[in-house]
Amino acid sequence: MASSFSVDFSEEASRDIRNICKYVDIKLNNPSAASNLADKITASAISLASFPKRYKVRKTSLDGEAVRYMPVDNFVLIYYVDDVRHLVNIVRVCYGKRDLDKLI
């Protein structure tokens, strides 16, 4: 049985989620969709605790970290897996059509 990992959101990822939900709430005038999206992104990230390497390595960061992308609706969670600390670090949450490789 695989051991469970902790999931941590960077400050930047937390800000990304707030900004995405603020946009959906205010600009698209859909507060319930904003709330549902925040819940879905958070639940998807937390699901990585049980199987963090389910998505392939997309690139290696300048720090040598293996970067993985998890799609969630029209968005992508960008994250690293730290096997030593049993930690999944969500570093960004971005619109999927952006040039994601430039964000890391």
PDB file of N, CA and C in Angstrom:
ATOM      1  N   MET A   1       0.849  -1.190   0.000  1.00  0.00           N
ATOM      2  CA  MET A   1       0.000   0.000   0.000  1.00  0.00           C
ATOM      3  C   MET A   1       0.886   1.242   0.000  1.00  0.00           C
ATOM      4  N   ALA A   2       0.605   2.176  -0.883  1.00  0.00           N
ATOM      5  CA  ALA A   2       1.378   3.410  -0.980  1.00  0.00           C
ATOM      6  C   ALA A   2       1.053   4.321   0.206  1.00  0.00           C
ATOM      7  N   SER A   3       2.092   4.970   0.694  1.00  0.00           N
ATOM      8  CA  SER A   3       1.849   5.898   1.800  1.00  0.00           C
ATOM      9  C   SER A   3       1.260   7.197   1.265  1.00  0.00           C
ATOM     10  N   SER A   4       0.495   7.844   2.102  1.00  0.00           N
ATOM     11  CA  SER A   4      -0.176   9.068   1.710  1.00  0.00           C
ATOM     12  C   SER A   4       0.774  10.258   1.763  1.00  0.00           C
ATOM     13  N   PHE A   5       0.602  11.164   0.845  1.00  0.00           N
ATOM     14  CA  PHE A   5       1.390  12.380   0.786  1.00  0.00           C
ATOM     15  C   PHE A   5       0.558  13.539   1.347  1.00  0.00           C
ATOM     16  N   SER A   6       1.235  14.562   1.816  1.00  0.00           N
ATOM     17  CA  SER A   6       0.567  15.816   2.167  1.00  0.00           C
ATOM     18  C   SER A   6       0.501  16.664   0.910  1.00  0.00           C
ATOM     19  N   VAL A   7      -0.479  17.542   0.838  1.00  0.00           N
ATOM     20  CA  VAL A   7      -0.619  18.451  -0.301  1.00  0.00           C
ATOM     21  C   VAL A   7      -0.517  19.875   0.221  1.00  0.00           C
ATOM     22  N   ASP A   8       0.356  20.654  -0.403  1.00  0.00           N
ATOM     23  CA  ASP A   8       0.572  22.029   0.011  1.00  0.00           C
ATOM     24  C   ASP A   8       0.403  22.947  -1.196  1.00  0.00           C
ATOM     25  N   PHE A   9      -0.261  24.073  -0.979  1.00  0.00           N
ATOM     26  CA  PHE A   9      -0.422  25.082  -2.020  1.00  0.00           C
ATOM     27  C   PHE A   9       0.565  26.215  -1.771  1.00  0.00           C
ATOM     28  N   SER A  10       1.338  26.572  -2.788  1.00  0.00           N
ATOM     29  CA  SER A  10       2.212  27.737  -2.658  1.00  0.00           C
ATOM     30  C   SER A  10       1.341  28.996  -2.556  1.00  0.00           C
ATOM     31  N   GLU A  11       1.946  30.072  -2.093  1.00  0.00           N
ATOM     32  CA  GLU A  11       1.212  31.342  -2.036  1.00  0.00           C
ATOM     33  C   GLU A  11       0.721  31.736  -3.420  1.00  0.00           C
ATOM     34  N   GLU A  12       1.558  31.494  -4.421  1.00  0.00           N
ATOM     35  CA  GLU A  12       1.195  31.844  -5.796  1.00  0.00           C
ATOM     36  C   GLU A  12       0.011  31.012  -6.287  1.00  0.00           C
ATOM     37  N   ALA A  13      -0.008  29.723  -5.965  1.00  0.00           N
ATOM     38  CA  ALA A  13      -1.129  28.864  -6.362  1.00  0.00           C
ATOM     39  C   ALA A  13      -2.416  29.291  -5.661  1.00  0.00           C
ATOM     40  N   SER A  14      -2.319  29.621  -4.389  1.00  0.00           N
ATOM     41  CA  SER A  14      -3.501  30.096  -3.650  1.00  0.00           C
ATOM     42  C   SER A  14      -4.028  31.390  -4.251  1.00  0.00           C
ATOM     43  N   ARG A  15      -3.127  32.278  -4.634  1.00  0.00           N
ATOM     44  CA  ARG A  15      -3.526  33.537  -5.273  1.00  0.00           C
ATOM     45  C   ARG A  15      -4.161  33.260  -6.635  1.00  0.00           C
ATOM     46  N   ASP A  16      -3.599  32.301  -7.377  1.00  0.00           N
ATOM     47  CA  ASP A  16      -4.179  31.927  -8.673  1.00  0.00           C
ATOM     48  C   ASP A  16      -5.630  31.488  -8.507  1.00  0.00           C
ATOM     49  N   ILE A  17      -5.886  30.641  -7.521  1.00  0.00           N
ATOM     50  CA  ILE A  17      -7.252  30.138  -7.301  1.00  0.00           C
ATOM     51  C   ILE A  17      -8.184  31.284  -6.937  1.00  0.00           C
ATOM     52  N   ARG A  18      -7.727  32.160  -6.041  1.00  0.00           N
ATOM     53  CA  ARG A  18      -8.564  33.318  -5.671  1.00  0.00           C
ATOM     54  C   ARG A  18      -8.884  34.178  -6.882  1.00  0.00           C
ATOM     55  N   ASN A  19      -7.887  34.441  -7.720  1.00  0.00           N
ATOM     56  CA  ASN A  19      -8.089  35.287  -8.902  1.00  0.00           C
ATOM     57  C   ASN A  19      -9.010  34.633  -9.925  1.00  0.00           C
ATOM     58  N   ILE A  20      -8.859  33.347 -10.125  1.00  0.00           N
ATOM     59  CA  ILE A  20      -9.727  32.617 -11.054  1.00  0.00           C
ATOM     60  C   ILE A  20     -11.173  32.691 -10.572  1.00  0.00           C
ATOM     61  N   CYS A  21     -11.367  32.407  -9.292  1.00  0.00           N
ATOM     62  CA  CYS A  21     -12.730  32.398  -8.742  1.00  0.00           C
ATOM     63  C   CYS A  21     -13.330  33.800  -8.692  1.00  0.00           C
ATOM     64  N   LYS A  22     -12.492  34.792  -8.437  1.00  0.00           N
ATOM     65  CA  LYS A  22     -12.964  36.181  -8.445  1.00  0.00           C
ATOM     66  C   LYS A  22     -13.439  36.555  -9.854  1.00  0.00           C
ATOM     67  N   TYR A  23     -12.690  36.145 -10.864  1.00  0.00           N
ATOM     68  CA  TYR A  23     -13.065  36.416 -12.242  1.00  0.00           C
ATOM     69  C   TYR A  23     -14.422  35.779 -12.572  1.00  0.00           C
ATOM     70  N   VAL A  24     -14.573  34.510 -12.218  1.00  0.00           N
ATOM     71  CA  VAL A  24     -15.829  33.808 -12.509  1.00  0.00           C
ATOM     72  C   VAL A  24     -16.979  34.445 -11.732  1.00  0.00           C
ATOM     73  N   ASP A  25     -16.732  34.802 -10.487  1.00  0.00           N
ATOM     74  CA  ASP A  25     -17.762  35.401  -9.638  1.00  0.00           C
ATOM     75  C   ASP A  25     -18.180  36.773 -10.148  1.00  0.00           C
ATOM     76  N   ILE A  26     -17.209  37.664 -10.360  1.00  0.00           N
ATOM     77  CA  ILE A  26     -17.517  39.065 -10.665  1.00  0.00           C
ATOM     78  C   ILE A  26     -17.658  39.320 -12.172  1.00  0.00           C
ATOM     79  N   LYS A  27     -16.653  38.956 -12.937  1.00  0.00           N
ATOM     80  CA  LYS A  27     -16.680  39.253 -14.381  1.00  0.00           C
ATOM     81  C   LYS A  27     -17.729  38.425 -15.122  1.00  0.00           C
ATOM     82  N   LEU A  28     -17.870  37.168 -14.722  1.00  0.00           N
ATOM     83  CA  LEU A  28     -18.856  36.311 -15.381  1.00  0.00           C
ATOM     84  C   LEU A  28     -20.179  36.280 -14.622  1.00  0.00           C
ATOM     85  N   ASN A  29     -20.207  36.982 -13.489  1.00  0.00           N
ATOM     86  CA  ASN A  29     -21.422  37.111 -12.675  1.00  0.00           C
ATOM     87  C   ASN A  29     -22.030  35.750 -12.329  1.00  0.00           C
ATOM     88  N   ASN A  30     -21.152  34.846 -11.840  1.00  0.00           N
ATOM     89  CA  ASN A  30     -21.617  33.498 -11.524  1.00  0.00           C
ATOM     90  C   ASN A  30     -20.962  33.013 -10.228  1.00  0.00           C
ATOM     91  N   PRO A  31     -21.446  33.506  -9.081  1.00  0.00           N
ATOM     92  CA  PRO A  31     -20.832  33.132  -7.804  1.00  0.00           C
ATOM     93  C   PRO A  31     -20.915  31.644  -7.486  1.00  0.00           C
ATOM     94  N   SER A  32     -21.990  30.987  -7.884  1.00  0.00           N
ATOM     95  CA  SER A  32     -22.083  29.551  -7.574  1.00  0.00           C
ATOM     96  C   SER A  32     -21.073  28.753  -8.397  1.00  0.00           C
ATOM     97  N   ALA A  33     -20.860  29.140  -9.641  1.00  0.00           N
ATOM     98  CA  ALA A  33     -19.838  28.465 -10.458  1.00  0.00           C
ATOM     99  C   ALA A  33     -18.455  28.710  -9.884  1.00  0.00           C
ATOM    100  N   ALA A  34     -18.201  29.909  -9.376  1.00  0.00           N
ATOM    101  CA  ALA A  34     -16.913  30.227  -8.761  1.00  0.00           C
ATOM    102  C   ALA A  34     -16.667  29.342  -7.545  1.00  0.00           C
ATOM    103  N   SER A  35     -17.678  29.201  -6.720  1.00  0.00           N
ATOM    104  CA  SER A  35     -17.561  28.359  -5.528  1.00  0.00           C
ATOM    105  C   SER A  35     -17.345  26.895  -5.901  1.00  0.00           C
ATOM    106  N   ASN A  36     -18.109  26.416  -6.882  1.00  0.00           N
ATOM    107  CA  ASN A  36     -17.960  25.031  -7.335  1.00  0.00           C
ATOM    108  C   ASN A  36     -16.579  24.780  -7.924  1.00  0.00           C
ATOM    109  N   LEU A  37     -16.062  25.758  -8.676  1.00  0.00           N
ATOM    110  CA  LEU A  37     -14.744  25.622  -9.275  1.00  0.00           C
ATOM    111  C   LEU A  37     -13.657  25.570  -8.200  1.00  0.00           C
ATOM    112  N   ALA A  38     -13.757  26.429  -7.198  1.00  0.00           N
ATOM    113  CA  ALA A  38     -12.790  26.415  -6.094  1.00  0.00           C
ATOM    114  C   ALA A  38     -12.803  25.058  -5.398  1.00  0.00           C
ATOM    115  N   ASP A  39     -13.997  24.527  -5.153  1.00  0.00           N
ATOM    116  CA  ASP A  39     -14.120  23.216  -4.510  1.00  0.00           C
ATOM    117  C   ASP A  39     -13.523  22.115  -5.382  1.00  0.00           C
ATOM    118  N   LYS A  40     -13.776  22.176  -6.685  1.00  0.00           N
ATOM    119  CA  LYS A  40     -13.274  21.137  -7.593  1.00  0.00           C
ATOM    120  C   LYS A  40     -11.752  21.178  -7.702  1.00  0.00           C
ATOM    121  N   ILE A  41     -11.178  22.375  -7.800  1.00  0.00           N
ATOM    122  CA  ILE A  41      -9.725  22.506  -7.875  1.00  0.00           C
ATOM    123  C   ILE A  41      -9.089  21.976  -6.594  1.00  0.00           C
ATOM    124  N   THR A  42      -9.646  22.363  -5.455  1.00  0.00           N
ATOM    125  CA  THR A  42      -9.103  21.925  -4.168  1.00  0.00           C
ATOM    126  C   THR A  42      -9.217  20.410  -4.004  1.00  0.00           C
ATOM    127  N   ALA A  43     -10.373  19.856  -4.316  1.00  0.00           N
ATOM    128  CA  ALA A  43     -10.563  18.407  -4.197  1.00  0.00           C
ATOM    129  C   ALA A  43      -9.636  17.638  -5.142  1.00  0.00           C
ATOM    130  N   SER A  44      -9.449  18.156  -6.340  1.00  0.00           N
ATOM    131  CA  SER A  44      -8.547  17.505  -7.295  1.00  0.00           C
ATOM    132  C   SER A  44      -7.121  17.511  -6.771  1.00  0.00           C
ATOM    133  N   ALA A  45      -6.697  18.636  -6.223  1.00  0.00           N
ATOM    134  CA  ALA A  45      -5.346  18.726  -5.666  1.00  0.00           C
ATOM    135  C   ALA A  45      -5.176  17.752  -4.511  1.00  0.00           C
ATOM    136  N   ILE A  46      -6.143  17.694  -3.635  1.00  0.00           N
ATOM    137  CA  ILE A  46      -6.061  16.804  -2.477  1.00  0.00           C
ATOM    138  C   ILE A  46      -6.038  15.335  -2.909  1.00  0.00           C
ATOM    139  N   SER A  47      -6.681  15.029  -4.021  1.00  0.00           N
ATOM    140  CA  SER A  47      -6.672  13.651  -4.517  1.00  0.00           C
ATOM    141  C   SER A  47      -5.265  13.188  -4.895  1.00  0.00           C
ATOM    142  N   LEU A  48      -4.364  14.130  -5.135  1.00  0.00           N
ATOM    143  CA  LEU A  48      -2.983  13.764  -5.462  1.00  0.00           C
ATOM    144  C   LEU A  48      -2.265  13.122  -4.275  1.00  0.00           C
ATOM    145  N   ALA A  49      -2.791  13.288  -3.076  1.00  0.00           N
ATOM    146  CA  ALA A  49      -2.158  12.720  -1.879  1.00  0.00           C
ATOM    147  C   ALA A  49      -2.041  11.198  -1.969  1.00  0.00           C
ATOM    148  N   SER A  50      -3.007  10.548  -2.600  1.00  0.00           N
ATOM    149  CA  SER A  50      -2.989   9.089  -2.660  1.00  0.00           C
ATOM    150  C   SER A  50      -2.215   8.528  -3.854  1.00  0.00           C
ATOM    151  N   PHE A  51      -2.055   9.318  -4.905  1.00  0.00           N
ATOM    152  CA  PHE A  51      -1.339   8.839  -6.094  1.00  0.00           C
ATOM    153  C   PHE A  51      -0.747  10.036  -6.825  1.00  0.00           C
ATOM    154  N   PRO A  52       0.298  10.650  -6.264  1.00  0.00           N
ATOM    155  CA  PRO A  52       0.807  11.912  -6.794  1.00  0.00           C
ATOM    156  C   PRO A  52       1.487  11.835  -8.164  1.00  0.00           C
ATOM    157  N   LYS A  53       1.934  10.652  -8.549  1.00  0.00           N
ATOM    158  CA  LYS A  53       2.668  10.543  -9.814  1.00  0.00           C
ATOM    159  C   LYS A  53       1.801  10.012 -10.946  1.00  0.00           C
ATOM    160  N   ARG A  54       0.486  10.215 -10.830  1.00  0.00           N
ATOM    161  CA  ARG A  54      -0.417   9.711 -11.873  1.00  0.00           C
ATOM    162  C   ARG A  54      -0.264  10.473 -13.185  1.00  0.00           C
ATOM    163  N   TYR A  55       0.295  11.678 -13.140  1.00  0.00           N
ATOM    164  CA  TYR A  55       0.525  12.466 -14.355  1.00  0.00           C
ATOM    165  C   TYR A  55       2.015  12.467 -14.666  1.00  0.00           C
ATOM    166  N   LYS A  56       2.337  12.365 -15.944  1.00  0.00           N
ATOM    167  CA  LYS A  56       3.736  12.256 -16.346  1.00  0.00           C
ATOM    168  C   LYS A  56       4.498  13.550 -16.081  1.00  0.00           C
ATOM    169  N   VAL A  57       5.802  13.432 -16.006  1.00  0.00           N
ATOM    170  CA  VAL A  57       6.675  14.593 -15.870  1.00  0.00           C
ATOM    171  C   VAL A  57       6.658  15.336 -17.196  1.00  0.00           C
ATOM    172  N   ARG A  58       6.351  16.619 -17.132  1.00  0.00           N
ATOM    173  CA  ARG A  58       6.273  17.434 -18.349  1.00  0.00           C
ATOM    174  C   ARG A  58       7.581  18.143 -18.654  1.00  0.00           C
ATOM    175  N   LYS A  59       8.291  18.519 -17.611  1.00  0.00           N
ATOM    176  CA  LYS A  59       9.573  19.198 -17.785  1.00  0.00           C
ATOM    177  C   LYS A  59      10.302  19.172 -16.457  1.00  0.00           C
ATOM    178  N   THR A  60      11.518  19.666 -16.452  1.00  0.00           N
ATOM    179  CA  THR A  60      12.295  19.795 -15.226  1.00  0.00           C
ATOM    180  C   THR A  60      12.542  21.275 -15.005  1.00  0.00           C
ATOM    181  N   SER A  61      12.300  21.736 -13.783  1.00  0.00           N
ATOM    182  CA  SER A  61      12.491  23.151 -13.466  1.00  0.00           C
ATOM    183  C   SER A  61      13.973  23.470 -13.360  1.00  0.00           C
ATOM    184  N   LEU A  62      14.286  24.745 -13.233  1.00  0.00           N
ATOM    185  CA  LEU A  62      15.672  25.169 -13.063  1.00  0.00           C
ATOM    186  C   LEU A  62      16.277  24.599 -11.788  1.00  0.00           C
ATOM    187  N   ASP A  63      15.417  24.303 -10.791  1.00  0.00           N
ATOM    188  CA  ASP A  63      15.870  23.712  -9.529  1.00  0.00           C
ATOM    189  C   ASP A  63      16.033  22.196  -9.624  1.00  0.00           C
ATOM    190  N   GLY A  64      15.738  21.629 -10.787  1.00  0.00           N
ATOM    191  CA  GLY A  64      15.861  20.192 -10.977  1.00  0.00           C
ATOM    192  C   GLY A  64      14.637  19.404 -10.567  1.00  0.00           C
ATOM    193  N   GLU A  65      13.556  20.093 -10.232  1.00  0.00           N
ATOM    194  CA  GLU A  65      12.312  19.424  -9.835  1.00  0.00           C
ATOM    195  C   GLU A  65      11.563  18.911 -11.066  1.00  0.00           C
ATOM    196  N   ALA A  66      10.980  17.721 -10.942  1.00  0.00           N
ATOM    197  CA  ALA A  66      10.149  17.172 -12.008  1.00  0.00           C
ATOM    198  C   ALA A  66       8.774  17.829 -11.925  1.00  0.00           C
ATOM    199  N   VAL A  67       8.390  18.534 -12.976  1.00  0.00           N
ATOM    200  CA  VAL A  67       7.140  19.290 -13.010  1.00  0.00           C
ATOM    201  C   VAL A  67       6.060  18.437 -13.662  1.00  0.00           C
ATOM    202  N   ARG A  68       4.904  18.371 -12.999  1.00  0.00           N
ATOM    203  CA  ARG A  68       3.761  17.615 -13.513  1.00  0.00           C
ATOM    204  C   ARG A  68       2.567  18.550 -13.653  1.00  0.00           C
ATOM    205  N   TYR A  69       1.676  18.229 -14.600  1.00  0.00           N
ATOM    206  CA  TYR A  69       0.472  19.028 -14.841  1.00  0.00           C
ATOM    207  C   TYR A  69      -0.753  18.152 -14.633  1.00  0.00           C
ATOM    208  N   MET A  70      -1.707  18.647 -13.843  1.00  0.00           N
ATOM    209  CA  MET A  70      -2.966  17.949 -13.637  1.00  0.00           C
ATOM    210  C   MET A  70      -4.096  18.807 -14.207  1.00  0.00           C
ATOM    211  N   PRO A  71      -4.799  18.335 -15.227  1.00  0.00           N
ATOM    212  CA  PRO A  71      -5.915  19.124 -15.765  1.00  0.00           C
ATOM    213  C   PRO A  71      -7.138  19.057 -14.846  1.00  0.00           C
ATOM    214  N   VAL A  72      -7.783  20.197 -14.690  1.00  0.00           N
ATOM    215  CA  VAL A  72      -9.040  20.300 -13.951  1.00  0.00           C
ATOM    216  C   VAL A  72      -9.923  21.259 -14.749  1.00  0.00           C
ATOM    217  N   ASP A  73     -10.890  20.720 -15.443  1.00  0.00           N
ATOM    218  CA  ASP A  73     -11.727  21.507 -16.348  1.00  0.00           C
ATOM    219  C   ASP A  73     -10.832  22.285 -17.313  1.00  0.00           C
ATOM    220  N   ASN A  74     -10.967  23.603 -17.382  1.00  0.00           N
ATOM    221  CA  ASN A  74     -10.161  24.418 -18.302  1.00  0.00           C
ATOM    222  C   ASN A  74      -8.856  24.891 -17.681  1.00  0.00           C
ATOM    223  N   PHE A  75      -8.505  24.344 -16.534  1.00  0.00           N
ATOM    224  CA  PHE A  75      -7.339  24.802 -15.792  1.00  0.00           C
ATOM    225  C   PHE A  75      -6.343  23.670 -15.603  1.00  0.00           C
ATOM    226  N   VAL A  76      -5.139  24.036 -15.196  1.00  0.00           N
ATOM    227  CA  VAL A  76      -4.082  23.058 -14.964  1.00  0.00           C
ATOM    228  C   VAL A  76      -3.422  23.363 -13.632  1.00  0.00           C
ATOM    229  N   LEU A  77      -3.290  22.331 -12.802  1.00  0.00           N
ATOM    230  CA  LEU A  77      -2.515  22.442 -11.573  1.00  0.00           C
ATOM    231  C   LEU A  77      -1.090  22.036 -11.912  1.00  0.00           C
ATOM    232  N   ILE A  78      -0.150  22.892 -11.622  1.00  0.00           N
ATOM    233  CA  ILE A  78       1.261  22.612 -11.869  1.00  0.00           C
ATOM    234  C   ILE A  78       1.874  22.265 -10.520  1.00  0.00           C
ATOM    235  N   TYR A  79       2.523  21.094 -10.450  1.00  0.00           N
ATOM    236  CA  TYR A  79       2.993  20.636  -9.148  1.00  0.00           C
ATOM    237  C   TYR A  79       4.274  19.811  -9.231  1.00  0.00           C
ATOM    238  N   TYR A  80       4.922  19.689  -8.061  1.00  0.00           N
ATOM    239  CA  TYR A  80       6.099  18.844  -7.869  1.00  0.00           C
ATOM    240  C   TYR A  80       5.754  17.794  -6.827  1.00  0.00           C
ATOM    241  N   VAL A  81       6.445  16.671  -6.881  1.00  0.00           N
ATOM    242  CA  VAL A  81       6.315  15.641  -5.853  1.00  0.00           C
ATOM    243  C   VAL A  81       7.658  15.531  -5.134  1.00  0.00           C
ATOM    244  N   ASP A  82       7.625  15.689  -3.816  1.00  0.00           N
ATOM    245  CA  ASP A  82       8.815  15.533  -2.982  1.00  0.00           C
ATOM    246  C   ASP A  82       8.695  14.191  -2.266  1.00  0.00           C
ATOM    247  N   ASP A  83       9.405  13.175  -2.785  1.00  0.00           N
ATOM    248  CA  ASP A  83       9.323  11.827  -2.219  1.00  0.00           C
ATOM    249  C   ASP A  83       9.911  11.744  -0.816  1.00  0.00           C
ATOM    250  N   VAL A  84      10.921  12.523  -0.554  1.00  0.00           N
ATOM    251  CA  VAL A  84      11.577  12.487   0.754  1.00  0.00           C
ATOM    252  C   VAL A  84      10.640  12.995   1.851  1.00  0.00           C
ATOM    253  N   ARG A  85       9.988  14.113   1.584  1.00  0.00           N
ATOM    254  CA  ARG A  85       9.089  14.707   2.584  1.00  0.00           C
ATOM    255  C   ARG A  85       7.644  14.238   2.428  1.00  0.00           C
ATOM    256  N   HIS A  86       7.380  13.359   1.468  1.00  0.00           N
ATOM    257  CA  HIS A  86       6.013  12.885   1.182  1.00  0.00           C
ATOM    258  C   HIS A  86       5.071  14.075   1.015  1.00  0.00           C
ATOM    259  N   LEU A  87       5.455  14.955   0.073  1.00  0.00           N
ATOM    260  CA  LEU A  87       4.743  16.206  -0.126  1.00  0.00           C
ATOM    261  C   LEU A  87       4.457  16.439  -1.602  1.00  0.00           C
ATOM    262  N   VAL A  88       3.232  16.852  -1.892  1.00  0.00           N
ATOM    263  CA  VAL A  88       2.862  17.340  -3.217  1.00  0.00           C
ATOM    264  C   VAL A  88       2.763  18.848  -3.078  1.00  0.00           C
ATOM    265  N   ASN A  89       3.549  19.562  -3.863  1.00  0.00           N
ATOM    266  CA  ASN A  89       3.560  21.022  -3.788  1.00  0.00           C
ATOM    267  C   ASN A  89       2.915  21.592  -5.045  1.00  0.00           C
ATOM    268  N   ILE A  90       1.713  22.149  -4.867  1.00  0.00           N
ATOM    269  CA  ILE A  90       1.008  22.798  -5.979  1.00  0.00           C
ATOM    270  C   ILE A  90       1.621  24.197  -6.102  1.00  0.00           C
ATOM    271  N   VAL A  91       2.278  24.475  -7.228  1.00  0.00           N
ATOM    272  CA  VAL A  91       2.977  25.750  -7.363  1.00  0.00           C
ATOM    273  C   VAL A  91       2.193  26.791  -8.154  1.00  0.00           C
ATOM    274  N   ARG A  92       1.347  26.353  -9.083  1.00  0.00           N
ATOM    275  CA  ARG A  92       0.515  27.287  -9.860  1.00  0.00           C
ATOM    276  C   ARG A  92      -0.781  26.604 -10.249  1.00  0.00           C
ATOM    277  N   VAL A  93      -1.808  27.410 -10.469  1.00  0.00           N
ATOM    278  CA  VAL A  93      -3.077  26.956 -11.034  1.00  0.00           C
ATOM    279  C   VAL A  93      -3.395  27.956 -12.139  1.00  0.00           C
ATOM    280  N   CYS A  94      -3.420  27.480 -13.379  1.00  0.00           N
ATOM    281  CA  CYS A  94      -3.503  28.388 -14.520  1.00  0.00           C
ATOM    282  C   CYS A  94      -4.520  27.913 -15.549  1.00  0.00           C
ATOM    283  N   TYR A  95      -4.968  28.868 -16.347  1.00  0.00           N
ATOM    284  CA  TYR A  95      -5.827  28.561 -17.481  1.00  0.00           C
ATOM    285  C   TYR A  95      -5.039  27.663 -18.432  1.00  0.00           C
ATOM    286  N   GLY A  96      -5.651  26.580 -18.876  1.00  0.00           N
ATOM    287  CA  GLY A  96      -4.961  25.569 -19.651  1.00  0.00           C
ATOM    288  C   GLY A  96      -4.444  26.001 -21.004  1.00  0.00           C
ATOM    289  N   LYS A  97      -4.968  27.093 -21.560  1.00  0.00           N
ATOM    290  CA  LYS A  97      -4.533  27.540 -22.888  1.00  0.00           C
ATOM    291  C   LYS A  97      -3.298  28.452 -22.826  1.00  0.00           C
ATOM    292  N   ARG A  98      -2.850  28.764 -21.615  1.00  0.00           N
ATOM    293  CA  ARG A  98      -1.640  29.591 -21.484  1.00  0.00           C
ATOM    294  C   ARG A  98      -0.415  28.773 -21.854  1.00  0.00           C
ATOM    295  N   ASP A  99       0.694  29.449 -22.095  1.00  0.00           N
ATOM    296  CA  ASP A  99       1.964  28.756 -22.340  1.00  0.00           C
ATOM    297  C   ASP A  99       2.510  28.344 -20.967  1.00  0.00           C
ATOM    298  N   LEU A 100       2.115  27.182 -20.522  1.00  0.00           N
ATOM    299  CA  LEU A 100       2.402  26.728 -19.171  1.00  0.00           C
ATOM    300  C   LEU A 100       3.883  26.552 -18.892  1.00  0.00           C
ATOM    301  N   ASP A 101       4.650  26.150 -19.909  1.00  0.00           N
ATOM    302  CA  ASP A 101       6.069  25.928 -19.698  1.00  0.00           C
ATOM    303  C   ASP A 101       6.810  27.214 -19.328  1.00  0.00           C
ATOM    304  N   LYS A 102       6.275  28.355 -19.684  1.00  0.00           N
ATOM    305  CA  LYS A 102       6.933  29.614 -19.347  1.00  0.00           C
ATOM    306  C   LYS A 102       6.688  30.025 -17.899  1.00  0.00           C
ATOM    307  N   LEU A 103       5.743  29.367 -17.231  1.00  0.00           N
ATOM    308  CA  LEU A 103       5.401  29.725 -15.848  1.00  0.00           C
ATOM    309  C   LEU A 103       6.351  29.118 -14.829  1.00  0.00           C
ATOM    310  N   ILE A 104       7.101  28.115 -15.219  1.00  0.00           N
ATOM    311  CA  ILE A 104       8.010  27.428 -14.290  1.00  0.00           C
ATOM    312  C   ILE A 104       9.440  27.754 -14.625  1.00  0.00           C
TER     313      ILE A 104
END
